Structures are given as C-alpha cells and as structure tokens.
C-alpha atoms as a PDB file:
ATOM      1  CA  UNK A   1       0.000   0.000   0.000  1.00  0.00           C
ATOM      2  CA  UNK A   2       0.955   3.650  -0.325  1.00  0.00           C
ATOM      3  CA  UNK A   3       2.017   5.498   2.816  1.00  0.00           C
ATOM      4  CA  UNK A   4      -0.669   6.284   5.356  1.00  0.00           C
ATOM      5  CA  UNK A   5      -2.186   9.763   5.394  1.00  0.00           C
ATOM      6  CA  UNK A   6      -2.093  11.397   8.811  1.00  0.00           C
ATOM      7  CA  UNK A   7      -4.483  14.091   7.579  1.00  0.00           C
ATOM      8  CA  UNK A   8      -7.102  11.544   6.497  1.00  0.00           C
ATOM      9  CA  UNK A   9      -6.711   9.553   9.701  1.00  0.00           C
ATOM     10  CA  UNK A  10      -7.153  12.586  11.922  1.00  0.00           C
ATOM     11  CA  UNK A  11     -10.468  13.615  10.350  1.00  0.00           C
ATOM     12  CA  UNK A  12     -12.024  11.450  13.069  1.00  0.00           C
ATOM     13  CA  UNK A  13      -9.405  11.969  15.772  1.00  0.00           C
ATOM     14  CA  UNK A  14     -11.775  11.965  18.739  1.00  0.00           C
ATOM     15  CA  UNK A  15     -13.491   8.748  17.684  1.00  0.00           C
ATOM     16  CA  UNK A  16     -10.200   7.032  16.873  1.00  0.00           C
ATOM     17  CA  UNK A  17      -8.626   8.074  20.173  1.00  0.00           C
ATOM     18  CA  UNK A  18     -11.546   6.892  22.301  1.00  0.00           C
ATOM     19  CA  UNK A  19     -10.524   3.196  22.273  1.00  0.00           C
ATOM     20  CA  UNK A  20      -6.958   4.167  23.205  1.00  0.00           C
ATOM     21  CA  UNK A  21      -8.258   6.046  26.247  1.00  0.00           C
ATOM     22  CA  UNK A  22     -10.353   3.072  27.312  1.00  0.00           C
ATOM     23  CA  UNK A  23      -7.470   0.639  26.818  1.00  0.00           C
ATOM     24  CA  UNK A  24      -5.080   2.833  28.773  1.00  0.00           C
ATOM     25  CA  UNK A  25      -7.523   3.063  31.693  1.00  0.00           C
ATOM     26  CA  UNK A  26      -7.144  -0.694  32.229  1.00  0.00           C
ATOM     27  CA  UNK A  27      -3.325  -0.737  32.380  1.00  0.00           C
ATOM     28  CA  UNK A  28      -2.411  -1.120  36.082  1.00  0.00           C
ATOM     29  CA  UNK A  29       1.308  -0.258  35.853  1.00  0.00           C
ATOM     30  CA  UNK A  30       1.885   2.720  38.150  1.00  0.00           C
ATOM     31  CA  UNK A  31       5.412   3.930  37.420  1.00  0.00           C
ATOM     32  CA  UNK A  32       6.894   2.415  34.269  1.00  0.00           C
ATOM     33  CA  UNK A  33      10.469   3.240  33.366  1.00  0.00           C
ATOM     34  CA  UNK A  34       9.924   3.082  29.608  1.00  0.00           C
ATOM     35  CA  UNK A  35       6.737   2.959  27.539  1.00  0.00           C
ATOM     36  CA  UNK A  36       6.472   2.078  23.848  1.00  0.00           C
ATOM     37  CA  UNK A  37       3.536   3.113  21.675  1.00  0.00           C
ATOM     38  CA  UNK A  38       3.547   0.506  18.902  1.00  0.00           C
ATOM     39  CA  UNK A  39       1.810   1.786  15.772  1.00  0.00           C
ATOM     40  CA  UNK A  40       1.748   5.284  17.244  1.00  0.00           C
ATOM     41  CA  UNK A  41       0.266   6.865  14.112  1.00  0.00           C
ATOM     42  CA  UNK A  42       0.098  10.669  14.314  1.00  0.00           C
ATOM     43  CA  UNK A  43       0.838  10.680  18.041  1.00  0.00           C
ATOM     44  CA  UNK A  44      -2.691  10.942  19.423  1.00  0.00           C
ATOM     45  CA  UNK A  45      -2.235   7.774  21.485  1.00  0.00           C
ATOM     46  CA  UNK A  46       1.355   8.693  22.428  1.00  0.00           C
ATOM     47  CA  UNK A  47       0.026  11.931  23.883  1.00  0.00           C
ATOM     48  CA  UNK A  48      -2.201   9.930  26.231  1.00  0.00           C
ATOM     49  CA  UNK A  49       0.776   7.873  27.419  1.00  0.00           C
ATOM     50  CA  UNK A  50       2.867  10.978  28.088  1.00  0.00           C
ATOM     51  CA  UNK A  51       0.024  12.506  30.113  1.00  0.00           C
ATOM     52  CA  UNK A  52      -0.480   9.283  32.107  1.00  0.00           C
ATOM     53  CA  UNK A  53       3.220   8.699  32.847  1.00  0.00           C
ATOM     54  CA  UNK A  54       5.088  12.015  32.595  1.00  0.00           C
ATOM     55  CA  UNK A  55       8.095  10.542  34.420  1.00  0.00           C
ATOM     56  CA  UNK A  56       8.543   7.679  31.906  1.00  0.00           C
ATOM     57  CA  UNK A  57      10.584   7.639  28.722  1.00  0.00           C
ATOM     58  CA  UNK A  58       7.901   7.262  26.047  1.00  0.00           C
ATOM     59  CA  UNK A  59       8.740   6.312  22.470  1.00  0.00           C
ATOM     60  CA  UNK A  60       6.493   5.967  19.437  1.00  0.00           C
ATOM     61  CA  UNK A  61       7.038   3.316  16.781  1.00  0.00           C
ATOM     62  CA  UNK A  62       5.423   3.300  13.340  1.00  0.00           C
ATOM     63  CA  UNK A  63       6.125   2.301   9.735  1.00  0.00           C
ATOM     64  CA  UNK A  64       4.608   5.414   8.153  1.00  0.00           C
ATOM     65  CA  UNK A  65       6.796   8.421   7.443  1.00  0.00           C
ATOM     66  CA  UNK A  66       3.754  10.716   7.200  1.00  0.00           C
ATOM     67  CA  UNK A  67       2.327   9.505  10.507  1.00  0.00           C
ATOM     68  CA  UNK A  68       5.714   9.977  12.193  1.00  0.00           C
ATOM     69  CA  UNK A  69       6.052  13.456  10.727  1.00  0.00           C
ATOM     70  CA  UNK A  70       2.729  14.429  12.267  1.00  0.00           C
ATOM     71  CA  UNK A  71       3.621  12.758  15.579  1.00  0.00           C
ATOM     72  CA  UNK A  72       6.912  14.665  15.815  1.00  0.00           C
ATOM     73  CA  UNK A  73       5.126  17.951  15.140  1.00  0.00           C
ATOM     74  CA  UNK A  74       2.577  17.128  17.798  1.00  0.00           C
ATOM     75  CA  UNK A  75       5.072  15.971  20.444  1.00  0.00           C
ATOM     76  CA  UNK A  76       8.466  17.471  19.574  1.00  0.00           C
ATOM     77  CA  UNK A  77      10.007  16.424  22.904  1.00  0.00           C
ATOM     78  CA  UNK A  78       9.257  12.725  22.384  1.00  0.00           C
ATOM     79  CA  UNK A  79      11.268  10.126  20.513  1.00  0.00           C
ATOM     80  CA  UNK A  80       9.694   8.490  17.457  1.00  0.00           C
ATOM     81  CA  UNK A  81      11.288   5.764  15.353  1.00  0.00           C
ATOM     82  CA  UNK A  82      10.369   4.181  12.036  1.00  0.00           C
ATOM     83  CA  UNK A  83      10.210   0.419  12.479  1.00  0.00           C
ATOM     84  CA  UNK A  84       7.994  -2.583  11.780  1.00  0.00           C
ATOM     85  CA  UNK A  85       6.891  -4.347  14.959  1.00  0.00           C
ATOM     86  CA  UNK A  86       7.462  -7.690  13.241  1.00  0.00           C
ATOM     87  CA  UNK A  87      11.206  -6.913  13.264  1.00  0.00           C
ATOM     88  CA  UNK A  88      11.401  -4.648  16.321  1.00  0.00           C
ATOM     89  CA  UNK A  89      12.310  -5.390  19.938  1.00  0.00           C
ATOM     90  CA  UNK A  90      11.572  -3.034  22.837  1.00  0.00           C
ATOM     91  CA  UNK A  91      14.495  -1.311  24.555  1.00  0.00           C
ATOM     92  CA  UNK A  92      15.615  -2.810  27.892  1.00  0.00           C
ATOM     93  CA  UNK A  93      13.550  -1.703  30.921  1.00  0.00           C
ATOM     94  CA  UNK A  94      10.375  -1.189  28.854  1.00  0.00           C
ATOM     95  CA  UNK A  95       7.496  -1.847  31.248  1.00  0.00           C
ATOM     96  CA  UNK A  96       4.484  -0.977  29.067  1.00  0.00           C
ATOM     97  CA  UNK A  97       3.885  -1.947  25.452  1.00  0.00           C
ATOM     98  CA  UNK A  98       0.817  -0.145  24.117  1.00  0.00           C
ATOM     99  CA  UNK A  99      -0.630  -1.061  20.731  1.00  0.00           C
ATOM    100  CA  UNK A 100      -3.775   0.716  19.561  1.00  0.00           C
ATOM    101  CA  UNK A 101      -5.184  -0.552  16.241  1.00  0.00           C
ATOM    102  CA  UNK A 102      -2.005  -1.920  14.687  1.00  0.00           C
ATOM    103  CA  UNK A 103      -1.721  -5.691  15.138  1.00  0.00           C
ATOM    104  CA  UNK A 104      -4.655  -6.410  12.811  1.00  0.00           C
ATOM    105  CA  UNK A 105      -2.269  -5.383  10.015  1.00  0.00           C
ATOM    106  CA  UNK A 106       0.603  -7.627  11.202  1.00  0.00           C
ATOM    107  CA  UNK A 107       0.770 -11.094   9.599  1.00  0.00           C
ATOM    108  CA  UNK A 108       0.992 -13.912  12.155  1.00  0.00           C
ATOM    109  CA  UNK A 109       0.483 -11.365  14.902  1.00  0.00           C
ATOM    110  CA  UNK A 110      -0.070 -13.981  17.613  1.00  0.00           C
ATOM    111  CA  UNK A 111       3.576 -14.991  17.258  1.00  0.00           C
ATOM    112  CA  UNK A 112       4.692 -11.409  17.794  1.00  0.00           C
ATOM    113  CA  UNK A 113       2.330 -10.844  20.714  1.00  0.00           C
ATOM    114  CA  UNK A 114       3.765 -13.908  22.436  1.00  0.00           C
ATOM    115  CA  UNK A 115       7.302 -12.685  21.767  1.00  0.00           C
ATOM    116  CA  UNK A 116       6.559  -9.267  23.234  1.00  0.00           C
ATOM    117  CA  UNK A 117       4.884 -10.630  26.369  1.00  0.00           C
ATOM    118  CA  UNK A 118       7.748 -13.068  26.906  1.00  0.00           C
ATOM    119  CA  UNK A 119      10.240 -10.205  26.818  1.00  0.00           C
ATOM    120  CA  UNK A 120       8.562  -8.178  29.558  1.00  0.00           C
ATOM    121  CA  UNK A 121       9.872  -8.132  33.103  1.00  0.00           C
ATOM    122  CA  UNK A 122       7.605  -9.148  35.979  1.00  0.00           C
ATOM    123  CA  UNK A 123       4.816  -6.606  36.396  1.00  0.00           C
ATOM    124  CA  UNK A 124       5.124  -5.253  32.860  1.00  0.00           C
ATOM    125  CA  UNK A 125       2.091  -4.973  30.589  1.00  0.00           C
ATOM    126  CA  UNK A 126       1.167  -5.485  26.958  1.00  0.00           C
ATOM    127  CA  UNK A 127      -2.030  -3.572  26.130  1.00  0.00           C
ATOM    128  CA  UNK A 128      -3.631  -4.176  22.735  1.00  0.00           C
ATOM    129  CA  UNK A 129      -6.725  -2.976  20.903  1.00  0.00           C
ATOM    130  CA  UNK A 130      -7.724  -4.111  17.411  1.00  0.00           C
ATOM    131  CA  UNK A 131     -10.734  -3.416  15.181  1.00  0.00           C
ATOM    132  CA  UNK A 132     -12.812  -6.568  14.828  1.00  0.00           C
ATOM    133  CA  UNK A 133     -15.045  -5.304  12.046  1.00  0.00           C
ATOM    134  CA  UNK A 134     -14.365  -7.330   8.901  1.00  0.00           C
ATOM    135  CA  UNK A 135     -17.887  -8.782   9.163  1.00  0.00           C
ATOM    136  CA  UNK A 136     -19.486  -5.346   9.350  1.00  0.00           C
ATOM    137  CA  UNK A 137     -21.306  -3.941   6.260  1.00  0.00           C
ATOM    138  CA  UNK A 138     -18.634  -1.251   5.858  1.00  0.00           C
ATOM    139  CA  UNK A 139     -16.031  -3.943   5.153  1.00  0.00           C
ATOM    140  CA  UNK A 140     -18.178  -6.602   3.534  1.00  0.00           C
ATOM    141  CA  UNK A 141     -19.196  -4.047   0.898  1.00  0.00           C
ATOM    142  CA  UNK A 142     -15.575  -3.141   0.167  1.00  0.00           C
ATOM    143  CA  UNK A 143     -14.948  -6.740  -0.820  1.00  0.00           C
ATOM    144  CA  UNK A 144     -18.190  -7.127  -2.741  1.00  0.00           C
ATOM    145  CA  UNK A 145     -17.491  -4.123  -4.951  1.00  0.00           C
ATOM    146  CA  UNK A 146     -13.852  -5.177  -5.394  1.00  0.00           C
ATOM    147  CA  UNK A 147     -14.878  -8.547  -6.820  1.00  0.00           C
ATOM    148  CA  UNK A 148     -17.026  -6.928  -9.498  1.00  0.00           C
ATOM    149  CA  UNK A 149     -15.956  -5.648 -12.896  1.00  0.00           C
ATOM    150  CA  UNK A 150     -14.004  -3.609 -13.777  1.00  0.00           C
ATOM    151  CA  UNK A 151     -12.068  -3.812 -10.480  1.00  0.00           C
ATOM    152  CA  UNK A 152     -11.802  -7.578 -10.037  1.00  0.00           C
ATOM    153  CA  UNK A 153      -8.431  -7.956 -11.767  1.00  0.00           C
ATOM    154  CA  UNK A 154      -6.698  -5.255  -9.699  1.00  0.00           C
ATOM    155  CA  UNK A 155      -8.432  -5.755  -6.376  1.00  0.00           C
ATOM    156  CA  UNK A 156      -9.052  -9.491  -6.082  1.00  0.00           C
ATOM    157  CA  UNK A 157      -6.218  -9.803  -3.568  1.00  0.00           C
ATOM    158  CA  UNK A 158      -7.056  -6.665  -1.600  1.00  0.00           C
ATOM    159  CA  UNK A 159      -9.219  -8.562   0.873  1.00  0.00           C
ATOM    160  CA  UNK A 160      -6.162 -10.584   1.875  1.00  0.00           C
ATOM    161  CA  UNK A 161      -4.447  -7.534   3.405  1.00  0.00           C
ATOM    162  CA  UNK A 162      -6.197  -8.283   6.716  1.00  0.00           C
ATOM    163  CA  UNK A 163      -7.144 -11.628   8.175  1.00  0.00           C
ATOM    164  CA  UNK A 164     -10.169 -12.231  10.351  1.00  0.00           C
ATOM    165  CA  UNK A 165      -9.142 -11.939  13.979  1.00  0.00           C
ATOM    166  CA  UNK A 166      -9.053 -15.093  16.094  1.00  0.00           C
ATOM    167  CA  UNK A 167     -11.687 -15.588  18.765  1.00  0.00           C
ATOM    168  CA  UNK A 168     -10.873 -14.300  22.270  1.00  0.00           C
ATOM    169  CA  UNK A 169     -10.181 -17.834  23.462  1.00  0.00           C
ATOM    170  CA  UNK A 170      -7.324 -18.156  20.991  1.00  0.00           C
ATOM    171  CA  UNK A 171      -5.606 -15.091  22.456  1.00  0.00           C
ATOM    172  CA  UNK A 172      -6.250 -16.400  25.956  1.00  0.00           C
ATOM    173  CA  UNK A 173      -4.726 -19.814  25.299  1.00  0.00           C
ATOM    174  CA  UNK A 174      -1.709 -18.269  23.545  1.00  0.00           C
ATOM    175  CA  UNK A 175      -0.915 -15.558  26.110  1.00  0.00           C
ATOM    176  CA  UNK A 176      -2.177 -16.800  29.476  1.00  0.00           C
ATOM    177  CA  UNK A 177       0.715 -19.265  30.030  1.00  0.00           C
ATOM    178  CA  UNK A 178       3.141 -16.358  29.568  1.00  0.00           C
ATOM    179  CA  UNK A 179       1.658 -13.903  32.055  1.00  0.00           C
ATOM    180  CA  UNK A 180       0.235 -13.643  35.555  1.00  0.00           C
ATOM    181  CA  UNK A 181      -3.028 -11.986  34.511  1.00  0.00           C
ATOM    182  CA  UNK A 182      -4.898 -11.530  31.264  1.00  0.00           C
ATOM    183  CA  UNK A 183      -8.002  -9.421  30.709  1.00  0.00           C
ATOM    184  CA  UNK A 184      -9.913  -9.666  27.396  1.00  0.00           C
ATOM    185  CA  UNK A 185     -13.035  -7.806  26.334  1.00  0.00           C
ATOM    186  CA  UNK A 186     -14.997  -6.561  23.344  1.00  0.00           C
ATOM    187  CA  UNK A 187     -16.565  -3.139  22.965  1.00  0.00           C
ATOM    188  CA  UNK A 188     -19.028  -2.257  20.226  1.00  0.00           C
ATOM    189  CA  UNK A 189     -19.036   1.457  19.426  1.00  0.00           C
ATOM    190  CA  UNK A 190     -21.828   3.178  17.555  1.00  0.00           C
ATOM    191  CA  UNK A 191     -20.140   6.255  16.139  1.00  0.00           C
ATOM    192  CA  UNK A 192     -22.520   9.071  15.216  1.00  0.00           C
ATOM    193  CA  UNK A 193     -21.533  10.354  11.774  1.00  0.00           C
ATOM    194  CA  UNK A 194     -23.138  12.866   9.447  1.00  0.00           C
ATOM    195  CA  UNK A 195     -24.055  10.526   6.597  1.00  0.00           C
ATOM    196  CA  UNK A 196     -22.874   7.642   4.418  1.00  0.00           C
ATOM    197  CA  UNK A 197     -20.200   9.842   2.864  1.00  0.00           C
ATOM    198  CA  UNK A 198     -18.718  10.343   6.318  1.00  0.00           C
ATOM    199  CA  UNK A 199     -18.487   6.562   6.765  1.00  0.00           C
ATOM    200  CA  UNK A 200     -16.574   6.357   3.499  1.00  0.00           C
ATOM    201  CA  UNK A 201     -14.260   9.156   4.634  1.00  0.00           C
ATOM    202  CA  UNK A 202     -13.629   7.229   7.863  1.00  0.00           C
ATOM    203  CA  UNK A 203     -12.634   3.980   6.164  1.00  0.00           C
ATOM    204  CA  UNK A 204     -10.594   5.779   3.487  1.00  0.00           C
ATOM    205  CA  UNK A 205      -8.077   6.444   6.246  1.00  0.00           C
ATOM    206  CA  UNK A 206      -7.757   2.775   7.242  1.00  0.00           C
ATOM    207  CA  UNK A 207      -9.595  -0.309   5.976  1.00  0.00           C
ATOM    208  CA  UNK A 208     -10.408   0.998   2.499  1.00  0.00           C
ATOM    209  CA  UNK A 209      -6.791   1.775   1.651  1.00  0.00           C
ATOM    210  CA  UNK A 210      -5.900  -1.644   0.155  1.00  0.00           C
ATOM    211  CA  UNK A 211      -8.866  -1.279  -2.202  1.00  0.00           C
ATOM    212  CA  UNK A 212      -8.290   2.266  -3.462  1.00  0.00           C
ATOM    213  CA  UNK A 213      -4.506   2.606  -3.367  1.00  0.00           C
ATOM    214  CA  UNK A 214      -3.960   0.401  -6.466  1.00  0.00           C
ATOM    215  CA  UNK A 215      -6.441   2.393  -8.573  1.00  0.00           C
ATOM    216  CA  UNK A 216      -5.793   5.416 -10.743  1.00  0.00           C
ATOM    217  CA  UNK A 217      -7.844   8.571 -10.211  1.00  0.00           C
ATOM    218  CA  UNK A 218     -10.648   7.632 -12.628  1.00  0.00           C
ATOM    219  CA  UNK A 219     -10.903   4.047 -11.340  1.00  0.00           C
ATOM    220  CA  UNK A 220     -10.862   5.207  -7.752  1.00  0.00           C
ATOM    221  CA  UNK A 221     -13.677   7.683  -8.354  1.00  0.00           C
ATOM    222  CA  UNK A 222     -15.841   4.980  -9.921  1.00  0.00           C
ATOM    223  CA  UNK A 223     -15.084   2.453  -7.171  1.00  0.00           C
ATOM    224  CA  UNK A 224     -15.874   4.974  -4.432  1.00  0.00           C
ATOM    225  CA  UNK A 225     -19.151   5.922  -6.103  1.00  0.00           C
ATOM    226  CA  UNK A 226     -20.261   2.291  -6.236  1.00  0.00           C
ATOM    227  CA  UNK A 227     -19.119   1.643  -2.684  1.00  0.00           C
ATOM    228  CA  UNK A 228     -20.736   4.817  -1.298  1.00  0.00           C
ATOM    229  CA  UNK A 229     -24.090   3.901  -2.840  1.00  0.00           C
ATOM    230  CA  UNK A 230     -24.023   0.527  -1.088  1.00  0.00           C
ATOM    231  CA  UNK A 231     -22.942   2.062   2.207  1.00  0.00           C
ATOM    232  CA  UNK A 232     -25.864   4.488   2.009  1.00  0.00           C
ATOM    233  CA  UNK A 233     -28.259   1.561   1.599  1.00  0.00           C
ATOM    234  CA  UNK A 234     -26.661  -0.384   4.470  1.00  0.00           C
ATOM    235  CA  UNK A 235     -26.603   2.502   6.945  1.00  0.00           C
ATOM    236  CA  UNK A 236     -29.984   4.260   6.797  1.00  0.00           C
ATOM    237  CA  UNK A 237     -30.238   7.655   8.502  1.00  0.00           C
ATOM    238  CA  UNK A 238     -31.636   8.041  11.995  1.00  0.00           C
ATOM    239  CA  UNK A 239     -34.535  10.369  12.776  1.00  0.00           C
ATOM    240  CA  UNK A 240     -32.192  13.373  12.831  1.00  0.00           C
ATOM    241  CA  UNK A 241     -30.448  12.419   9.580  1.00  0.00           C
ATOM    242  CA  UNK A 242     -27.275  11.083  11.221  1.00  0.00           C
ATOM    243  CA  UNK A 243     -25.986   7.542  10.700  1.00  0.00           C
ATOM    244  CA  UNK A 244     -24.543   5.084  13.216  1.00  0.00           C
ATOM    245  CA  UNK A 245     -21.319   3.329  12.287  1.00  0.00           C
ATOM    246  CA  UNK A 246     -21.276   0.108  14.299  1.00  0.00           C
ATOM    247  CA  UNK A 247     -17.646  -0.669  15.144  1.00  0.00           C
ATOM    248  CA  UNK A 248     -16.625  -3.719  17.249  1.00  0.00           C
ATOM    249  CA  UNK A 249     -13.144  -3.780  18.776  1.00  0.00           C
ATOM    250  CA  UNK A 250     -11.290  -6.382  20.844  1.00  0.00           C
ATOM    251  CA  UNK A 251      -9.093  -5.368  23.791  1.00  0.00           C
ATOM    252  CA  UNK A 252      -6.698  -7.252  26.014  1.00  0.00           C
ATOM    253  CA  UNK A 253      -4.171  -6.410  28.692  1.00  0.00           C
ATOM    254  CA  UNK A 254      -1.536  -9.011  29.573  1.00  0.00           C
ATOM    255  CA  UNK A 255       0.403  -8.546  32.835  1.00  0.00           C
ATOM    256  CA  UNK A 256       3.688 -10.457  33.057  1.00  0.00           C
END
C-alpha cells in the first residue's frame, strides 16, 4: 500500500482516540520506566501515554513516514522511530507496550504478541486494541465491490491484506501461560456520523486503503461511487439524519 495519510486519519481523531483512552484506563502499571507506543500513528495515542506517565521515557514506533512526521510535530520532545513491529524489539527496561489498532495489520500477529509478552519483566504490561469489524457492512461491501468488474483484476487480492481476527479464546490460550493476569473484552461502538459519505471518509483512512490505493484517479472515483451507494443503503439515517457506524473492537491487557 501507499504510505498512510495522517491528515485523512485525523479527520475522526476523537473517535479514533476513544478506544486508546479506554485501553489505557485498564493498564495497572503505576510507574513504568519506559513505555512504547507501537503503531503510534500521528501521536494521538502517544500523547495519552505521556500525560499518564510524565516521568517515563515514552517512544512511538510506526512504519509510516507521514504519521511519524505528524507525531513529531505534535510531540516534539518525544522520541519516534520508524520500524515494523514484526522486526522490532523493545528497549531494555520497557514496562508498558501499548498497541492501539495496529496488530490487525501484522501477519501472524499472535507470534509477535507472544514474543513481546515473553520479553517483559515481571509486572510489565502489553495492552492491545484491534478493530474486529471485517464482518461489518462497511467492510463486507468493500470486498463485494472489489470482486465486481471492472475492479476484479486489480483488487481481487485486496481482501487478503487483513485476516479475520481469532476468537478471544485463541488469544487467551496463547498468552495466558506467559503472564500472571490476562483481561480480554470486546466493545461495540456506535459512532454518530453525518451521513454515508462520512463513513466512506472514515474507512478511506484505514480499511479501504488496500482497495483504493492500487487504482488510478478515474478508477478510484468509480469504485468509491459504487461503494458509497451501497454504504448508504446499508446505513440508513436516523430520525435526525445522522448515521450510526457500528464498530466492534477487541481489547486485552496481559500482565507479566
């Protein structure tokens, strides 16, 4: 895929930051020495970590140059590094690993979650949140349109960019033997958005990217028109004209 767009992502900053706040509230570590924000994006989640633990050394890790640029502008005193979590190891003395909406993009992410938990010292925490929405209309319709002509040839593999997440029990069985405590929960958000076009703008910053990045300007316009029409049918307006974007997410906090 092309590089992420911090500007597109931040169009819904409050809604995107809400799960990070709720995940952070469940991390019981009181005085970590070092904290890593894995998949820090434009720094909105890193900002929460700095506010929670001002005495800690907080670093942000991401693969996107544009996201890191925005993060450095937002938090010029913090350290941000460009790295892929699949090939990255936390610095020594890191007591909190925080990962908001990143591991759904990491192939074989269970392996990496186990590696990260195993590397923590006693009392350290791995806190993870991932969208669990591939069965929602917003994402089903992406795939349906992609498999139609004239996009089928270019986009037939786009759906493979993210795998369905395992069930909570799979995470439990994989991580519980490695830690002293493991909390897992789901939250289903109903984000109030202006209309179907707003839903499309939301997913353009994340899940829709594998479907539109390969297309030229004309193809992209046609694909988005077809997709938007189906989204409008799937998300009818409420009494006040707004629409509700149903958005399930899975959370877990593993304490070493």
